[in-house]
Amino acid sequence: MNSDLIREQLCQAFCRDITVKAVPAGLAVSGSFEDVVGDPIRCYVEQYAGGWRLADDGQFLADLDGRGINRRQGPRADYLAQIFASAGAGVGEDGLQIATSVQAQPPLAGEIIQFLSALTRARDVMFWSRERIKSTFKEDVFHAMEERLSGKATLERASFVEPSLRDFPADVIITPKGMVGAPRTAVFLAQSTEPLGDALLLWQELRLRGRSDIRVAAVVESGSVSNAALKLQRVINRIDAVTFFSGDEDAAIERIERTALAPP
């Protein structure tokens, strides 16, 4: 096996697929990889703020938003941040363009290739299986709760509100900080009717015990539970709060916050 020959052949193959074109902002560089519609994945070497940076056109993140893919919170956000960081990049001020920091000198060829590679690898989130996307729901909700309630409450995962109710575990227990006698809130994260049934059982048990110091809430992944389901109707009519997450994440978490931090 001739390693020099293989290296030469690889270099020729890569060089043949790379195109560099002059554009008003600087240079447009594309390689052999394509996006979901068959267009080459490209980046731009831009003159920006008195220096140089690498950036994409902002279409990829806009496309994720259009597809309803949550790229701002949870495992997908962590994955994208890790990929971008590997190329010294992040999301720009406009929230859509992926770009490196501004440098005094134009980027080297190796930096351009690394940035193009990051843009290519980032596309993986568009092809995650439904099962994998679905599995991130609870992580997404918990991360959103952490961000919203930071400094206001403590959050416990997969726990119960107190030992006497250990038979009714919830996905998240919220305990307000600095509020004497404030009720704790048990939150159930529902992708099916089963967690809603658990929420209803806890609510009924609290009613039987005459307990008003514990609240029950549920966060439903929109589209995963039919609005016509009788169990969902009963839960909405009884427990303290039911919110629908996907597509309206901020409002859903804000409703949970209002419920958990409301005075006794």
Protein backbone atom coordinates (compact mmCIF):
# COMPACT_ATOMS: atom_id res chain seq x y z
CA MET A 1 0.00 0.00 0.00
CA ASN A 2 1.47 3.31 -1.12
CA SER A 3 0.50 5.96 1.43
CA ASP A 4 1.91 8.83 -0.67
CA LEU A 5 -0.15 7.77 -3.67
CA ILE A 6 -3.33 7.53 -1.60
CA ARG A 7 -2.62 10.94 -0.09
CA GLU A 8 -2.13 12.43 -3.55
CA GLN A 9 -5.35 10.87 -4.83
CA LEU A 10 -7.30 12.16 -1.81
CA CYS A 11 -5.89 15.65 -2.26
CA GLN A 12 -6.86 15.64 -5.93
CA ALA A 13 -10.38 14.43 -5.13
CA PHE A 14 -10.93 17.10 -2.48
CA CYS A 15 -9.42 19.88 -4.57
CA ARG A 16 -11.54 18.96 -7.58
CA ASP A 17 -14.74 19.36 -5.56
CA ILE A 18 -13.86 22.66 -3.89
CA THR A 19 -14.99 25.87 -5.56
CA VAL A 20 -14.04 29.42 -4.60
CA LYS A 21 -15.89 32.40 -6.03
CA ALA A 22 -15.55 36.11 -5.43
CA VAL A 23 -18.66 37.75 -3.93
CA PRO A 24 -19.25 41.33 -2.74
CA ALA A 25 -18.48 40.45 0.89
CA GLY A 26 -15.35 38.41 0.11
CA LEU A 27 -15.22 34.79 -1.04
CA ALA A 28 -17.78 31.99 -1.26
CA VAL A 29 -16.31 28.52 -0.69
CA SER A 30 -18.14 25.22 -1.22
CA GLY A 31 -17.11 21.57 -1.12
CA SER A 32 -18.48 18.21 -2.19
CA PHE A 33 -21.26 17.96 0.42
CA GLU A 34 -24.85 18.99 -0.28
CA ASP A 35 -27.78 20.09 1.84
CA VAL A 36 -31.24 18.46 1.90
CA VAL A 37 -32.31 20.12 -1.36
CA GLY A 38 -29.12 19.23 -3.22
CA ASP A 39 -27.37 22.60 -3.04
CA PRO A 40 -23.67 22.63 -2.10
CA ILE A 41 -22.96 23.48 1.52
CA ARG A 42 -20.93 26.67 1.37
CA CYS A 43 -19.41 29.24 3.64
CA TYR A 44 -18.26 32.79 3.15
CA VAL A 45 -14.91 34.42 3.92
CA GLU A 46 -16.18 37.87 4.82
CA GLN A 47 -14.61 41.21 5.57
CA TYR A 48 -16.48 42.15 8.73
CA ALA A 49 -16.06 44.79 11.43
CA GLY A 50 -12.55 45.70 10.34
CA GLY A 51 -11.37 42.09 10.10
CA TRP A 52 -12.21 38.71 8.63
CA ARG A 53 -14.58 35.94 9.63
CA LEU A 54 -16.16 32.76 8.30
CA ALA A 55 -19.97 32.61 8.12
CA ASP A 56 -22.83 30.75 6.48
CA ASP A 57 -25.83 32.39 4.83
CA GLY A 58 -28.20 31.92 7.78
CA GLN A 59 -30.50 29.60 5.87
CA PHE A 60 -29.73 26.42 7.84
CA LEU A 61 -30.88 27.70 11.25
CA ALA A 62 -33.88 29.41 9.65
CA ASP A 63 -34.79 26.09 8.05
CA LEU A 64 -34.59 24.32 11.43
CA ASP A 65 -36.97 26.92 12.87
CA GLY A 66 -39.32 26.45 9.94
CA ARG A 67 -39.37 22.70 10.48
CA GLY A 68 -40.26 23.14 14.16
CA ILE A 69 -36.94 21.70 15.35
CA ASN A 70 -36.01 23.14 18.74
CA ARG A 71 -32.40 24.27 18.34
CA ARG A 72 -32.27 26.66 21.29
CA GLN A 73 -32.70 24.27 24.23
CA GLY A 74 -31.93 20.71 25.19
CA PRO A 75 -29.73 18.05 23.58
CA ARG A 76 -30.04 19.43 20.05
CA ALA A 77 -28.84 22.84 21.20
CA ASP A 78 -25.97 21.19 23.07
CA TYR A 79 -25.05 19.15 19.99
CA LEU A 80 -25.05 22.17 17.68
CA ALA A 81 -23.06 24.28 20.14
CA GLN A 82 -20.44 21.53 20.39
CA ILE A 83 -20.19 21.21 16.59
CA PHE A 84 -19.88 24.96 16.07
CA ALA A 85 -17.32 25.30 18.87
CA SER A 86 -15.10 22.72 17.17
CA ALA A 87 -14.66 25.25 14.36
CA GLY A 88 -14.39 28.27 16.65
CA ALA A 89 -17.88 29.40 15.67
CA GLY A 90 -21.23 30.19 17.22
CA VAL A 91 -24.59 31.72 16.39
CA GLY A 92 -24.32 35.36 15.38
CA GLU A 93 -26.10 38.39 16.78
CA ASP A 94 -29.04 37.96 14.42
CA GLY A 95 -29.70 34.51 15.86
CA LEU A 96 -29.60 32.84 12.45
CA GLN A 97 -26.13 33.12 10.97
CA ILE A 98 -23.36 30.77 12.06
CA ALA A 99 -20.04 32.63 12.21
CA THR A 100 -16.56 32.62 13.70
CA SER A 101 -15.10 35.47 15.69
CA VAL A 102 -13.51 38.32 13.74
CA GLN A 103 -9.76 37.96 13.09
CA ALA A 104 -7.23 40.51 11.87
CA GLN A 105 -6.02 38.19 9.10
CA PRO A 106 -8.02 36.14 6.58
CA PRO A 107 -8.61 32.53 7.74
CA LEU A 108 -6.25 29.79 6.63
CA ALA A 109 -7.32 27.00 4.29
CA GLY A 110 -7.43 24.50 7.17
CA GLU A 111 -9.77 26.77 9.13
CA ILE A 112 -12.10 27.07 6.14
CA ILE A 113 -12.22 23.28 5.72
CA GLN A 114 -12.91 22.84 9.44
CA PHE A 115 -15.76 25.37 9.29
CA LEU A 116 -17.28 23.68 6.22
CA SER A 117 -17.02 20.35 8.04
CA ALA A 118 -18.89 21.78 11.04
CA LEU A 119 -21.66 23.10 8.79
CA THR A 120 -21.96 19.64 7.22
CA ARG A 121 -22.02 17.78 10.54
CA ALA A 122 -24.61 20.18 11.95
CA ARG A 123 -27.07 18.97 9.32
CA ASP A 124 -27.32 15.67 11.19
CA VAL A 125 -30.04 17.10 13.45
CA MET A 126 -32.37 17.23 10.44
CA PHE A 127 -32.10 13.47 10.01
CA TRP A 128 -32.48 12.31 13.59
CA SER A 129 -35.12 9.62 13.72
CA ARG A 130 -38.50 10.50 15.20
CA GLU A 131 -37.68 8.23 18.14
CA ARG A 132 -34.50 10.16 18.84
CA ILE A 133 -36.26 13.52 18.50
CA LYS A 134 -39.06 12.27 20.69
CA SER A 135 -36.62 11.14 23.35
CA THR A 136 -35.35 14.71 23.76
CA PHE A 137 -38.73 16.07 24.83
CA LYS A 138 -38.20 15.62 28.56
CA GLU A 139 -34.67 16.99 28.32
CA ASP A 140 -35.90 20.03 26.38
CA VAL A 141 -38.62 20.76 28.94
CA PHE A 142 -36.31 20.32 31.92
CA HIS A 143 -33.64 22.59 30.40
CA ALA A 144 -36.30 25.21 29.67
CA MET A 145 -37.55 24.99 33.27
CA GLU A 146 -34.02 25.32 34.62
CA GLU A 147 -33.42 28.43 32.54
CA ARG A 148 -36.74 30.00 33.46
CA LEU A 149 -36.70 29.18 37.18
CA SER A 150 -33.00 29.67 37.87
CA GLY A 151 -32.65 31.38 41.25
CA LYS A 152 -36.40 31.22 41.89
CA ALA A 153 -36.90 27.53 42.68
CA THR A 154 -35.13 24.19 43.05
CA LEU A 155 -35.93 21.41 40.60
CA GLU A 156 -35.77 17.67 41.32
CA ARG A 157 -36.10 15.09 38.58
CA ALA A 158 -38.00 11.81 38.86
CA SER A 159 -38.99 12.35 42.48
CA PHE A 160 -42.03 12.66 44.75
CA VAL A 161 -43.30 15.69 46.63
CA GLU A 162 -42.92 14.02 50.05
CA PRO A 163 -42.28 10.50 51.47
CA SER A 164 -45.97 9.84 52.17
CA LEU A 165 -46.63 10.27 48.42
CA ARG A 166 -43.77 8.15 47.13
CA ASP A 167 -46.30 6.05 45.19
CA PHE A 168 -46.97 9.09 42.97
CA PRO A 169 -43.60 10.08 41.47
CA ALA A 170 -43.50 12.99 39.03
CA ASP A 171 -41.00 13.93 36.34
CA VAL A 172 -40.10 17.22 38.03
CA ILE A 173 -40.73 18.59 41.52
CA ILE A 174 -40.56 22.39 41.81
CA THR A 175 -39.92 23.97 45.21
CA PRO A 176 -40.00 27.80 45.33
CA LYS A 177 -37.15 29.59 47.07
CA GLY A 178 -37.67 32.30 49.69
CA MET A 179 -41.41 31.72 50.03
CA VAL A 180 -42.40 30.48 53.47
CA GLY A 181 -45.09 27.82 53.24
CA ALA A 182 -45.09 27.90 49.44
CA PRO A 183 -46.68 24.83 47.85
CA ARG A 184 -44.50 22.40 45.93
CA THR A 185 -45.52 21.52 42.40
CA ALA A 186 -45.38 18.06 40.84
CA VAL A 187 -44.96 18.29 37.06
CA PHE A 188 -45.71 15.38 34.73
CA LEU A 189 -44.21 15.40 31.21
CA ALA A 190 -46.59 13.66 28.85
CA GLN A 191 -46.01 12.13 25.43
CA SER A 192 -48.90 9.71 25.96
CA THR A 193 -51.98 9.50 28.17
CA GLU A 194 -50.21 7.43 30.85
CA PRO A 195 -48.42 10.36 32.59
CA LEU A 196 -51.68 12.29 32.47
CA GLY A 197 -53.33 9.43 34.31
CA ASP A 198 -50.56 9.57 36.92
CA ALA A 199 -51.10 13.31 37.34
CA LEU A 200 -54.82 12.77 37.80
CA LEU A 201 -54.23 10.03 40.39
CA LEU A 202 -51.95 12.30 42.42
CA TRP A 203 -54.49 15.13 42.25
CA GLN A 204 -57.27 12.78 43.42
CA GLU A 205 -55.10 11.50 46.29
CA LEU A 206 -54.40 15.06 47.40
CA ARG A 207 -58.12 15.81 47.34
CA LEU A 208 -58.88 12.76 49.47
CA ARG A 209 -56.29 13.90 52.02
CA GLY A 210 -57.53 17.48 52.00
CA ARG A 211 -54.14 18.75 50.90
CA SER A 212 -53.98 22.19 49.31
CA ASP A 213 -50.24 22.68 49.82
CA ILE A 214 -49.23 20.65 46.77
CA ARG A 215 -49.95 21.55 43.16
CA VAL A 216 -50.11 19.28 40.14
CA ALA A 217 -49.22 20.32 36.58
CA ALA A 218 -48.55 18.62 33.25
CA VAL A 219 -46.58 19.58 30.15
CA VAL A 220 -47.82 17.83 27.03
CA GLU A 221 -45.78 17.46 23.86
CA SER A 222 -48.16 18.95 21.29
CA GLY A 223 -49.47 16.39 18.84
CA SER A 224 -48.43 13.43 20.97
CA VAL A 225 -51.72 13.26 22.88
CA SER A 226 -55.08 13.71 21.22
CA ASN A 227 -57.02 16.74 22.44
CA ALA A 228 -60.17 14.61 22.18
CA ALA A 229 -58.90 12.03 24.66
CA LEU A 230 -61.29 11.83 27.60
CA LYS A 231 -58.39 11.45 30.02
CA LEU A 232 -56.81 14.68 28.78
CA GLN A 233 -60.12 16.50 29.16
CA ARG A 234 -60.44 15.29 32.74
CA VAL A 235 -56.88 16.32 33.55
CA ILE A 236 -57.31 19.80 32.05
CA ASN A 237 -60.52 20.28 34.02
CA ARG A 238 -59.00 19.23 37.34
CA ILE A 239 -55.28 19.72 37.93
CA ASP A 240 -53.66 23.12 38.46
CA ALA A 241 -52.15 23.56 34.98
CA VAL A 242 -51.79 21.77 31.64
CA THR A 243 -49.58 23.28 28.93
CA PHE A 244 -48.64 22.22 25.41
CA PHE A 245 -44.93 22.54 24.69
CA SER A 246 -43.92 22.09 21.05
CA GLY A 247 -44.37 25.24 19.00
CA ASP A 248 -45.15 27.44 22.02
CA GLU A 249 -42.31 26.56 24.38
CA ASP A 250 -41.85 29.91 26.13
CA ALA A 251 -45.52 30.34 26.94
CA ALA A 252 -45.80 26.74 28.15
CA ILE A 253 -42.93 27.13 30.60
CA GLU A 254 -44.15 30.57 31.68
CA ARG A 255 -47.50 29.00 32.63
CA ILE A 256 -45.71 26.38 34.74
CA GLU A 257 -43.71 29.16 36.38
CA ARG A 258 -46.86 31.12 37.24
CA THR A 259 -48.44 27.99 38.72
CA ALA A 260 -45.39 26.94 40.75
CA LEU A 261 -44.57 30.41 42.10
CA ALA A 262 -48.11 31.63 42.81
CA PRO A 263 -48.58 32.58 46.48
CA PRO A 264 -50.30 29.98 48.70
